[in-house]
Amino acid sequence: MKLNPLQNDRAAGVLVALAAGDALGAGYEFGAPLPDGAEVTMKGGGPFGFAPAEWTDDTSMAIPIAQALLESASDAGSSSPAALTMVVRAWTSWAAEAKDAGAQTSSVIAAARRMASAAGRSKVHAADFAAAASDFHARTGRSAGNGSLMRTAPLALAYLNRDPSELMAAAAVMSALTHADPDAQEACGLSCVAIRHAVLTGLLDVRAGLQLLPAERAGVWRERIETAERSRPRDFTRNGWVVEAFQGAWSAIHYAGFSASGPAHLRAALEEAVRGGRDTDTVAAIAGGLLGAAYGYTAVPFEWRQRLHGWPGMRARDLMVLGMELGRGEGRRSASWPRAERHDYSMWSRTDVLVQHPHDDGVWLGGVGSLGRMNELGIDAVVSLCRLGSVDVLGLSPEDHATFWVVDSAVEGDNADAAFVLREAAAAVERYRAEGKTVLLHCVRAESRTPTVAALYGAQVAGVSPLEALEDVLRALPNARPNPLFMNVLGDAEAASEALPGRRHA
């Protein structure tokens, strides 16, 4: 599907925000609710000993779905036996080394493996999983855990260009591989349709799929949604149940929306989900998938993206690529951004500009051509404001390369939230400098994006206003001219700085 730039950003944000919520909640899993205002960080730990910023089973089970859908983009899609079998085989390999796979999921995987062995096969098929899940439901009558809802978001990206009723049906099939209960299947369908709607429109509407359910079931879920909107996540004491996990996630989004919007809403809602307690990682992951669909990759705070990682050895950039390519529906595109190894800027002139920041000689300001001088200058960290290939920056650990999507355009609608992204980039420079690193801040030619971020950073470290800092930056970069939208961002920051004590003003 041909996505516009904002839809592209939102598709890329689904898996990244899901994983961010997951990793944010990992250290608080099974804990009691936290008081309002309590700090929530990616501290890791928890009952399963996750590393800081490491995602859990929620994201680890979503990744094989995304990968299988990407591989099967040109055939029957998510419901094809080949795609489903690819998914369950990846789950089986993951479960053998996972810190936690969930009780119901573990039981289904073990039963599916026994079925395959009894049939003389060394590998499981999707049919083994579906049969094992159906049997689990028949024996226990309790197969409505939240384990299928937590992982289902990638499906929505594969159905952006298809009828939402097909997505609802596919979500039920994917859920039934481990969770056959109708509540689980319907929750997955409603969540996927809401994510699809958010990517396409930028709107949060968890009711978007109700019309696709039978009238009686739609009424049940409408009442559940209304209950969520009258509640807080902490009120759902059984959020291991798929219904209360769904309600807890929507409750967090709805409640946080009273006091925050845009990227601030994404952050506040995920923190609210974690403060709700108990199955924190899963509720926050469910909320994250929908919030990322509405606000995009650019809305996920850099401090969360910086060290985000998990099985199978992936990081935030890998999830961004998966989400974007799934949304496009064209499969893997190894020659195109963002998967391409190199991004060609050879047609651009003056990309080799390179100067020191006038307020901090530990920060270099440059064009994309200055990446070739990293070793010479002892660069320890890079903040990139333009597209790059996967190997355009070598010799740094992934957490020392911060990437920000910001289009050099004076049209406000060309960026999801230019002011937020530019401030985040300045904060990344400040974060690296606090770690003692020498930083290269760059875009293509250091003409608009780089001087804007340099001015925001300079205002912080020099105690001057952003526009005063810009004057100093422009003396170092005489060819630079931030576009009018970026100048407005600096002007707004200027107005905010006037209210702060200790600032030096002209």
Protein backbone atom coordinates (compact mmCIF):
# COMPACT_ATOMS: atom_id res chain seq x y z
CA MET A 1 0.00 0.00 0.00
CA LYS A 2 1.23 3.49 -0.80
CA LEU A 3 1.48 5.23 2.56
CA ASN A 4 1.89 8.97 2.97
CA PRO A 5 4.76 10.13 5.21
CA LEU A 6 2.64 10.36 8.35
CA GLN A 7 1.09 6.92 7.78
CA ASN A 8 4.59 5.59 7.21
CA ASP A 9 5.64 7.02 10.58
CA ARG A 10 2.59 5.50 12.26
CA ALA A 11 3.15 2.06 10.74
CA ALA A 12 6.75 2.18 11.93
CA GLY A 13 5.57 3.13 15.41
CA VAL A 14 3.31 0.15 16.09
CA LEU A 15 5.93 -2.44 17.02
CA VAL A 16 8.34 0.07 18.55
CA ALA A 17 5.72 1.48 20.92
CA LEU A 18 4.43 -2.02 21.70
CA ALA A 19 7.96 -3.07 22.68
CA ALA A 20 8.52 0.13 24.63
CA GLY A 21 5.41 -0.46 26.70
CA ASP A 22 6.42 -4.08 27.18
CA ALA A 23 9.94 -3.21 28.37
CA LEU A 24 8.62 -0.38 30.53
CA GLY A 25 6.32 -2.77 32.37
CA ALA A 26 8.75 -5.68 32.65
CA GLY A 27 10.31 -4.56 35.91
CA TYR A 28 6.93 -4.05 37.60
CA GLU A 29 5.20 -7.27 36.51
CA PHE A 30 2.90 -8.83 39.12
CA GLY A 31 3.48 -5.90 41.47
CA ALA A 32 0.81 -3.88 43.22
CA PRO A 33 -0.53 -0.68 41.64
CA LEU A 34 1.73 2.34 42.03
CA PRO A 35 0.58 5.70 43.40
CA ASP A 36 -0.21 8.53 41.01
CA GLY A 37 2.94 10.33 39.97
CA ALA A 38 5.25 7.45 40.87
CA GLU A 39 8.25 7.30 38.55
CA VAL A 40 8.12 4.56 35.91
CA THR A 41 11.38 3.59 34.18
CA MET A 42 12.75 0.77 32.05
CA LYS A 43 14.54 -0.58 35.09
CA GLY A 44 14.36 -4.26 34.17
CA GLY A 45 14.31 -6.97 36.79
CA GLY A 46 10.87 -8.17 37.81
CA PRO A 47 10.08 -11.82 38.52
CA PHE A 48 11.88 -13.05 35.41
CA GLY A 49 15.03 -10.97 35.64
CA PHE A 50 14.81 -8.98 32.42
CA ALA A 51 17.63 -6.57 31.64
CA PRO A 52 16.83 -2.84 31.61
CA ALA A 53 14.99 -1.95 28.36
CA GLU A 54 14.58 -5.64 27.42
CA TRP A 55 11.19 -6.64 26.06
CA THR A 56 9.39 -9.78 27.22
CA ASP A 57 7.28 -12.52 25.66
CA ASP A 58 4.73 -9.99 24.43
CA THR A 59 7.07 -8.54 21.81
CA SER A 60 9.00 -11.76 21.27
CA MET A 61 5.80 -13.50 20.13
CA ALA A 62 4.74 -10.54 17.98
CA ILE A 63 7.99 -10.52 16.01
CA PRO A 64 7.49 -13.95 14.35
CA ILE A 65 4.01 -12.85 13.28
CA ALA A 66 5.47 -9.73 11.68
CA GLN A 67 8.26 -11.70 10.00
CA ALA A 68 5.91 -14.36 8.65
CA LEU A 69 3.50 -11.74 7.33
CA LEU A 70 6.36 -9.96 5.64
CA GLU A 71 7.49 -13.18 3.97
CA SER A 72 3.94 -14.01 2.82
CA ALA A 73 3.01 -10.52 1.63
CA SER A 74 2.35 -11.74 -1.90
CA ASP A 75 0.33 -14.89 -1.13
CA ALA A 76 -2.76 -15.73 0.91
CA GLY A 77 -1.58 -13.67 3.85
CA SER A 78 -1.85 -14.34 7.54
CA SER A 79 -4.34 -17.19 7.32
CA SER A 80 -2.28 -19.28 4.91
CA PRO A 81 -1.03 -22.56 6.44
CA ALA A 82 2.52 -21.69 5.42
CA ALA A 83 2.47 -18.33 7.20
CA LEU A 84 0.87 -19.74 10.34
CA THR A 85 3.29 -22.65 10.43
CA MET A 86 6.22 -20.25 10.11
CA VAL A 87 4.86 -18.40 13.14
CA VAL A 88 4.36 -21.42 15.39
CA ARG A 89 7.77 -22.86 14.56
CA ALA A 90 9.40 -19.59 15.56
CA TRP A 91 7.38 -19.60 18.79
CA THR A 92 8.52 -23.14 19.51
CA SER A 93 12.19 -22.19 19.08
CA TRP A 94 11.74 -19.07 21.19
CA ALA A 95 9.98 -20.94 24.01
CA ALA A 96 12.94 -23.29 24.40
CA GLU A 97 15.07 -20.38 25.63
CA ALA A 98 12.48 -17.86 26.87
CA LYS A 99 12.60 -16.48 30.40
CA ASP A 100 8.81 -16.64 30.46
CA ALA A 101 6.32 -17.94 27.92
CA GLY A 102 3.09 -17.77 29.93
CA ALA A 103 1.36 -20.78 31.45
CA GLN A 104 -1.31 -21.31 28.79
CA THR A 105 1.02 -20.68 25.87
CA SER A 106 3.63 -23.03 27.33
CA SER A 107 1.03 -25.74 27.76
CA VAL A 108 -0.15 -25.38 24.16
CA ILE A 109 3.38 -25.43 22.78
CA ALA A 110 4.23 -28.58 24.74
CA ALA A 111 1.04 -30.32 23.57
CA ALA A 112 1.63 -29.30 19.95
CA ARG A 113 5.13 -30.73 20.07
CA ARG A 114 3.77 -34.03 21.40
CA MET A 115 1.22 -34.13 18.57
CA ALA A 116 3.93 -33.57 15.98
CA SER A 117 6.12 -36.26 17.53
CA ALA A 118 3.23 -38.75 17.64
CA ALA A 119 2.69 -38.11 13.93
CA GLY A 120 6.35 -38.85 13.22
CA ARG A 121 7.27 -35.24 12.50
CA SER A 122 10.25 -33.36 13.92
CA LYS A 123 8.60 -29.96 13.41
CA VAL A 124 5.23 -28.63 14.45
CA HIS A 125 2.54 -27.39 12.08
CA ALA A 126 -0.01 -24.67 12.69
CA ALA A 127 -2.69 -27.36 12.84
CA ASP A 128 -0.92 -28.89 15.84
CA PHE A 129 -1.14 -25.60 17.70
CA ALA A 130 -4.79 -25.01 16.81
CA ALA A 131 -5.72 -28.54 17.92
CA ALA A 132 -3.75 -28.21 21.14
CA ALA A 133 -5.37 -24.86 21.91
CA SER A 134 -8.85 -26.22 21.20
CA ASP A 135 -8.19 -29.17 23.46
CA PHE A 136 -6.90 -26.89 26.22
CA HIS A 137 -10.11 -24.86 26.01
CA ALA A 138 -12.32 -27.96 26.02
CA ARG A 139 -10.53 -29.42 29.05
CA THR A 140 -10.25 -26.30 31.18
CA GLY A 141 -12.93 -23.94 29.93
CA ARG A 142 -10.45 -21.19 30.77
CA SER A 143 -8.45 -20.17 27.71
CA ALA A 144 -9.13 -16.44 27.78
CA GLY A 145 -5.75 -15.33 29.03
CA ASN A 146 -4.22 -12.20 27.52
CA GLY A 147 -1.43 -14.04 25.70
CA SER A 148 -2.87 -13.71 22.19
CA LEU A 149 -3.95 -10.08 22.52
CA MET A 150 -0.47 -8.96 23.59
CA ARG A 151 1.13 -10.12 20.32
CA THR A 152 -1.52 -9.44 17.70
CA ALA A 153 -0.65 -5.91 16.55
CA PRO A 154 1.42 -6.88 13.46
CA LEU A 155 -1.68 -8.28 11.80
CA ALA A 156 -3.19 -4.82 11.52
CA LEU A 157 -0.25 -3.62 9.44
CA ALA A 158 -0.68 -6.44 6.96
CA TYR A 159 -4.33 -5.50 6.40
CA LEU A 160 -4.13 -1.76 5.84
CA ASN A 161 -5.23 -2.17 2.24
CA ARG A 162 -7.84 -4.86 2.89
CA ASP A 163 -11.34 -4.95 4.28
CA PRO A 164 -11.39 -4.72 8.09
CA SER A 165 -13.76 -7.69 8.25
CA GLU A 166 -10.95 -9.83 6.81
CA LEU A 167 -8.65 -8.49 9.51
CA MET A 168 -11.19 -9.37 12.22
CA ALA A 169 -11.37 -12.94 10.91
CA ALA A 170 -7.59 -13.28 10.58
CA ALA A 171 -7.10 -12.05 14.14
CA ALA A 172 -9.44 -14.77 15.40
CA VAL A 173 -7.45 -17.42 13.54
CA MET A 174 -4.15 -16.11 14.90
CA SER A 175 -5.51 -16.00 18.45
CA ALA A 176 -6.87 -19.55 18.21
CA LEU A 177 -3.37 -20.93 17.68
CA THR A 178 -3.00 -20.69 21.46
CA HIS A 179 -6.17 -19.01 22.82
CA ALA A 180 -9.41 -20.42 21.42
CA ASP A 181 -11.83 -18.65 23.75
CA PRO A 182 -14.21 -16.30 21.89
CA ASP A 183 -13.32 -13.41 24.23
CA ALA A 184 -9.68 -13.73 23.22
CA GLN A 185 -10.50 -13.93 19.53
CA GLU A 186 -12.80 -10.92 19.66
CA ALA A 187 -10.39 -8.84 21.72
CA CYS A 188 -7.66 -9.50 19.16
CA GLY A 189 -9.99 -8.51 16.34
CA LEU A 190 -11.12 -5.28 18.00
CA SER A 191 -7.54 -4.33 18.83
CA CYS A 192 -6.30 -5.01 15.31
CA VAL A 193 -9.11 -3.04 13.67
CA ALA A 194 -8.41 -0.11 16.02
CA ILE A 195 -4.70 -0.21 15.15
CA ARG A 196 -5.46 -0.34 11.43
CA HIS A 197 -7.80 2.65 11.82
CA ALA A 198 -5.18 4.59 13.79
CA VAL A 199 -2.42 4.02 11.22
CA LEU A 200 -4.66 5.17 8.39
CA THR A 201 -6.26 8.14 10.15
CA GLY A 202 -4.17 9.03 13.20
CA LEU A 203 -7.27 8.61 15.39
CA LEU A 204 -7.72 6.49 18.51
CA ASP A 205 -11.04 4.64 18.22
CA VAL A 206 -11.29 1.30 19.97
CA ARG A 207 -14.94 1.04 18.87
CA ALA A 208 -14.00 0.96 15.17
CA GLY A 209 -14.49 -2.81 14.96
CA LEU A 210 -17.71 -3.18 16.94
CA GLN A 211 -19.83 -3.14 13.79
CA LEU A 212 -18.00 -6.26 12.60
CA LEU A 213 -19.22 -8.33 15.56
CA PRO A 214 -22.65 -9.91 15.90
CA ALA A 215 -25.04 -7.40 17.51
CA GLU A 216 -25.18 -9.21 20.85
CA ARG A 217 -21.40 -9.45 21.14
CA ALA A 218 -20.96 -5.86 20.02
CA GLY A 219 -23.24 -4.83 22.89
CA VAL A 220 -21.12 -6.79 25.37
CA TRP A 221 -17.91 -5.16 24.19
CA ARG A 222 -19.48 -1.70 24.05
CA GLU A 223 -20.37 -2.01 27.72
CA ARG A 224 -16.85 -3.25 28.51
CA ILE A 225 -15.34 -0.26 26.73
CA GLU A 226 -17.62 2.15 28.59
CA THR A 227 -16.58 0.53 31.86
CA ALA A 228 -12.93 1.07 30.92
CA GLU A 229 -13.61 4.74 30.27
CA ARG A 230 -15.10 5.15 33.75
CA SER A 231 -12.14 3.42 35.37
CA ARG A 232 -8.39 3.47 35.88
CA PRO A 233 -6.03 0.59 34.99
CA ARG A 234 -5.59 -0.18 38.70
CA ASP A 235 -9.30 -1.02 38.88
CA PHE A 236 -8.84 -4.09 36.69
CA THR A 237 -7.52 -6.55 39.25
CA ARG A 238 -7.69 -9.57 36.92
CA ASN A 239 -5.78 -8.16 33.97
CA GLY A 240 -4.30 -11.55 33.15
CA TRP A 241 -7.78 -12.15 31.68
CA VAL A 242 -7.95 -10.87 28.12
CA VAL A 243 -11.02 -8.75 28.76
CA GLU A 244 -9.49 -6.85 31.68
CA ALA A 245 -6.16 -6.54 29.87
CA PHE A 246 -8.05 -4.93 26.96
CA GLN A 247 -9.96 -2.70 29.37
CA GLY A 248 -6.85 -1.77 31.33
CA ALA A 249 -5.01 -0.73 28.16
CA TRP A 250 -7.90 1.37 26.88
CA SER A 251 -8.47 2.82 30.32
CA ALA A 252 -4.85 3.99 30.42
CA ILE A 253 -5.17 5.62 26.99
CA HIS A 254 -8.51 7.22 27.79
CA TYR A 255 -7.54 8.54 31.21
CA ALA A 256 -4.17 9.93 30.08
CA GLY A 257 -5.92 11.70 27.22
CA PHE A 258 -7.64 14.04 29.65
CA SER A 259 -4.37 15.80 30.42
CA ALA A 260 -2.03 15.07 27.50
CA SER A 261 -2.01 14.94 23.71
CA GLY A 262 0.38 13.86 20.95
CA PRO A 263 3.67 12.31 22.05
CA ALA A 264 3.00 13.37 25.64
CA HIS A 265 -0.18 11.28 25.54
CA LEU A 266 1.77 8.21 24.40
CA ARG A 267 4.18 8.53 27.29
CA ALA A 268 1.56 9.35 29.92
CA ALA A 269 -0.69 6.47 28.85
CA LEU A 270 2.06 3.87 28.98
CA GLU A 271 3.17 5.08 32.38
CA GLU A 272 -0.47 4.96 33.55
CA ALA A 273 -0.76 1.38 32.26
CA VAL A 274 2.29 0.32 34.26
CA ARG A 275 1.11 2.10 37.40
CA GLY A 276 -2.02 -0.03 37.19
CA GLY A 277 -0.01 -2.98 38.49
CA ARG A 278 -0.19 -6.77 38.08
CA ASP A 279 0.35 -7.81 34.43
CA THR A 280 2.05 -4.51 33.69
CA ASP A 281 4.14 -5.47 30.68
CA THR A 282 1.21 -6.95 28.78
CA VAL A 283 -1.26 -4.13 29.47
CA ALA A 284 1.37 -1.56 28.47
CA ALA A 285 2.30 -3.55 25.35
CA ILE A 286 -1.35 -3.69 24.26
CA ALA A 287 -1.70 0.04 24.83
CA GLY A 288 1.62 0.70 23.10
CA GLY A 289 0.62 -0.98 19.86
CA LEU A 290 -2.42 1.28 19.53
CA LEU A 291 -0.66 4.44 20.68
CA GLY A 292 2.23 3.85 18.28
CA ALA A 293 -0.32 3.43 15.48
CA ALA A 294 -1.86 6.80 16.29
CA TYR A 295 1.24 8.88 17.06
CA GLY A 296 4.04 7.11 15.22
CA TYR A 297 7.64 6.11 15.67
CA THR A 298 8.62 9.74 16.15
CA ALA A 299 6.48 9.95 19.30
CA VAL A 300 8.36 7.20 21.18
CA PRO A 301 10.80 8.93 23.55
CA PHE A 302 14.46 8.49 22.65
CA GLU A 303 15.31 7.50 26.21
CA TRP A 304 13.03 4.47 25.71
CA ARG A 305 14.24 3.67 22.20
CA GLN A 306 17.93 4.05 22.99
CA ARG A 307 18.52 0.66 24.60
CA LEU A 308 15.32 -1.15 23.66
CA HIS A 309 16.17 -4.76 22.78
CA GLY A 310 15.16 -8.38 23.07
CA TRP A 311 14.74 -11.78 21.44
CA PRO A 312 15.89 -12.61 18.79
CA GLY A 313 18.73 -10.08 19.13
CA MET A 314 16.79 -7.16 17.71
CA ARG A 315 16.56 -3.48 18.60
CA ALA A 316 14.19 -0.56 18.02
CA ARG A 317 15.46 0.05 14.47
CA ASP A 318 14.68 -3.55 13.49
CA LEU A 319 11.12 -3.19 14.77
CA MET A 320 10.77 0.11 12.92
CA VAL A 321 11.83 -1.56 9.66
CA LEU A 322 9.44 -4.49 10.19
CA GLY A 323 6.51 -2.19 10.85
CA MET A 324 7.18 0.07 7.90
CA GLU A 325 7.63 -2.78 5.42
CA LEU A 326 4.55 -4.58 6.70
CA GLY A 327 2.50 -1.45 6.26
CA ARG A 328 3.71 -0.98 2.71
CA GLY A 329 2.72 -4.55 1.86
CA GLU A 330 5.59 -4.97 -0.59
CA GLY A 331 7.73 -7.45 1.35
CA ARG A 332 11.39 -6.89 2.16
CA ARG A 333 13.01 -4.18 0.07
CA SER A 334 16.74 -4.62 0.58
CA ALA A 335 17.64 -1.85 -1.87
CA SER A 336 15.41 0.80 -0.32
CA TRP A 337 15.43 2.80 2.87
CA PRO A 338 15.27 1.83 5.69
CA ARG A 339 16.64 -1.66 4.95
CA ALA A 340 19.28 -0.60 2.40
CA GLU A 341 22.87 -0.68 3.59
CA ARG A 342 23.64 2.75 2.15
CA HIS A 343 21.56 5.85 1.46
CA ASP A 344 22.87 7.71 -1.56
CA TYR A 345 23.55 11.41 -1.09
CA SER A 346 26.13 11.65 -3.88
CA MET A 347 23.96 14.11 -5.84
CA TRP A 348 24.07 16.60 -2.97
CA SER A 349 26.76 19.26 -2.66
CA ARG A 350 28.34 20.63 0.52
CA THR A 351 27.62 17.52 2.59
CA ASP A 352 31.12 17.62 4.10
CA VAL A 353 30.60 20.75 6.20
CA LEU A 354 31.89 20.24 9.74
CA VAL A 355 32.33 22.72 12.60
CA GLN A 356 32.44 22.61 16.37
CA HIS A 357 29.43 23.76 18.34
CA PRO A 358 30.06 27.34 19.53
CA HIS A 359 28.86 26.49 23.05
CA ASP A 360 30.44 23.04 23.43
CA ASP A 361 33.58 21.88 21.64
CA GLY A 362 32.60 18.28 22.44
CA VAL A 363 29.81 18.55 19.88
CA TRP A 364 30.46 18.68 16.14
CA LEU A 365 27.91 20.01 13.66
CA GLY A 366 28.04 18.64 10.15
CA GLY A 367 26.56 17.27 6.98
CA VAL A 368 26.20 13.61 6.13
CA GLY A 369 29.67 13.59 4.54
CA SER A 370 31.23 14.24 7.96
CA LEU A 371 30.41 10.66 9.01
CA GLY A 372 33.62 9.66 7.27
CA ARG A 373 35.66 11.60 9.81
CA MET A 374 34.29 9.97 12.94
CA ASN A 375 37.45 8.05 13.80
CA GLU A 376 39.68 11.03 13.12
CA LEU A 377 37.66 13.22 15.49
CA GLY A 378 37.11 10.61 18.18
CA ILE A 379 33.34 10.67 17.79
CA ASP A 380 31.65 8.45 20.39
CA ALA A 381 28.01 9.13 19.54
CA VAL A 382 26.02 10.31 16.53
CA VAL A 383 22.68 12.10 16.37
CA SER A 384 21.24 11.77 12.86
CA LEU A 385 18.44 13.97 11.52
CA CYS A 386 18.25 12.49 8.02
CA ARG A 387 17.80 9.06 6.44
CA LEU A 388 20.76 6.70 6.59
CA GLY A 389 21.48 3.17 5.47
CA SER A 390 22.02 0.38 7.95
CA VAL A 391 25.83 0.55 7.66
CA ASP A 392 26.33 4.27 7.03
CA VAL A 393 27.45 4.64 10.63
CA LEU A 394 30.00 2.01 11.64
CA GLY A 395 32.04 1.47 14.77
CA LEU A 396 29.39 2.56 17.27
CA SER A 397 27.15 0.49 19.48
CA PRO A 398 23.48 0.85 18.50
CA GLU A 399 22.64 2.82 21.63
CA ASP A 400 25.24 5.44 20.67
CA HIS A 401 23.51 6.26 17.38
CA ALA A 402 20.31 8.24 17.80
CA THR A 403 18.09 8.62 14.74
CA PHE A 404 15.24 11.09 14.41
CA TRP A 405 12.69 11.43 11.63
CA VAL A 406 12.21 15.07 10.78
CA VAL A 407 11.49 16.44 7.31
CA ASP A 408 13.10 19.77 6.42
CA SER A 409 9.81 21.37 5.48
CA ALA A 410 8.00 24.53 6.46
CA VAL A 411 4.66 22.74 6.03
CA GLU A 412 3.51 21.71 9.48
CA GLY A 413 1.65 18.63 8.26
CA ASP A 414 4.78 17.11 6.73
CA ASN A 415 5.99 16.14 10.22
CA ALA A 416 3.93 14.41 12.88
CA ASP A 417 5.28 16.71 15.60
CA ALA A 418 8.36 18.61 14.51
CA ALA A 419 8.74 20.49 17.79
CA PHE A 420 8.78 17.29 19.82
CA VAL A 421 11.29 15.56 17.53
CA LEU A 422 13.66 18.53 17.45
CA ARG A 423 13.57 18.82 21.25
CA GLU A 424 14.15 15.08 21.58
CA ALA A 425 17.19 15.31 19.31
CA ALA A 426 18.63 18.14 21.43
CA ALA A 427 17.98 16.07 24.55
CA ALA A 428 19.83 13.15 22.97
CA VAL A 429 22.90 15.33 22.41
CA GLU A 430 22.68 16.44 26.03
CA ARG A 431 22.28 12.84 27.20
CA TYR A 432 25.38 11.69 25.31
CA ARG A 433 27.43 14.62 26.57
CA ALA A 434 26.40 13.79 30.15
CA GLU A 435 27.87 10.34 29.50
CA GLY A 436 31.16 11.99 28.48
CA LYS A 437 30.84 11.24 24.77
CA THR A 438 31.99 13.37 21.86
CA VAL A 439 28.95 13.86 19.63
CA LEU A 440 28.38 14.43 15.92
CA LEU A 441 25.05 16.13 15.21
CA HIS A 442 24.24 16.06 11.51
CA CYS A 443 21.65 16.18 8.75
CA VAL A 444 22.39 16.22 4.99
CA ARG A 445 24.07 19.64 4.67
CA ALA A 446 23.74 21.19 8.15
CA GLU A 447 21.50 23.92 6.76
CA SER A 448 18.18 23.66 8.61
CA ARG A 449 17.69 20.69 10.92
CA THR A 450 21.19 20.64 12.40
CA PRO A 451 21.37 24.35 13.33
CA THR A 452 17.88 24.20 14.84
CA VAL A 453 18.76 21.31 17.13
CA ALA A 454 22.16 22.87 17.82
CA ALA A 455 20.40 26.04 18.98
CA LEU A 456 18.04 24.14 21.25
CA TYR A 457 21.01 22.31 22.76
CA GLY A 458 23.07 25.48 23.01
CA ALA A 459 20.31 27.25 24.89
CA GLN A 460 20.37 24.49 27.49
CA VAL A 461 24.13 24.36 28.05
CA ALA A 462 24.94 28.06 27.69
CA GLY A 463 22.01 29.47 29.61
CA VAL A 464 20.94 31.70 26.74
CA SER A 465 17.70 31.90 24.81
CA PRO A 466 17.23 29.60 21.78
CA LEU A 467 17.33 32.49 19.30
CA GLU A 468 20.51 33.86 20.87
CA ALA A 469 22.01 30.38 20.66
CA LEU A 470 20.97 30.24 16.99
CA GLU A 471 22.83 33.46 16.25
CA ASP A 472 26.02 31.89 17.59
CA VAL A 473 25.40 28.68 15.62
CA LEU A 474 24.83 30.63 12.39
CA ARG A 475 28.14 32.40 12.81
CA ALA A 476 29.77 28.95 12.83
CA LEU A 477 27.54 27.73 9.96
CA PRO A 478 27.14 30.82 7.71
CA ASN A 479 25.25 28.91 4.99
CA ALA A 480 22.63 27.61 7.43
CA ARG A 481 19.05 28.85 7.26
CA PRO A 482 16.44 27.00 9.38
CA ASN A 483 13.09 26.88 7.62
CA PRO A 484 10.19 29.02 8.95
CA LEU A 485 8.54 26.13 10.81
CA PHE A 486 11.76 25.40 12.67
CA MET A 487 12.17 29.09 13.42
CA ASN A 488 8.70 28.98 14.97
CA VAL A 489 9.82 26.05 17.12
CA LEU A 490 12.76 28.10 18.32
CA GLY A 491 10.49 31.07 18.90
CA ASP A 492 8.15 29.00 21.02
CA ALA A 493 11.12 27.69 22.98
CA GLU A 494 12.29 31.29 23.33
CA ALA A 495 8.95 32.28 24.88
CA ALA A 496 9.12 29.35 27.28
CA SER A 497 12.68 30.19 28.27
CA GLU A 498 11.72 33.72 29.27
CA ALA A 499 9.77 32.34 32.19
CA LEU A 500 12.74 30.39 33.53
CA PRO A 501 15.10 31.89 36.14
CA GLY A 502 18.81 32.11 35.48
CA ARG A 503 18.56 32.69 31.73
CA ARG A 504 20.71 35.33 30.06
CA HIS A 505 18.68 37.43 27.62
CA ALA A 506 19.64 40.21 25.27
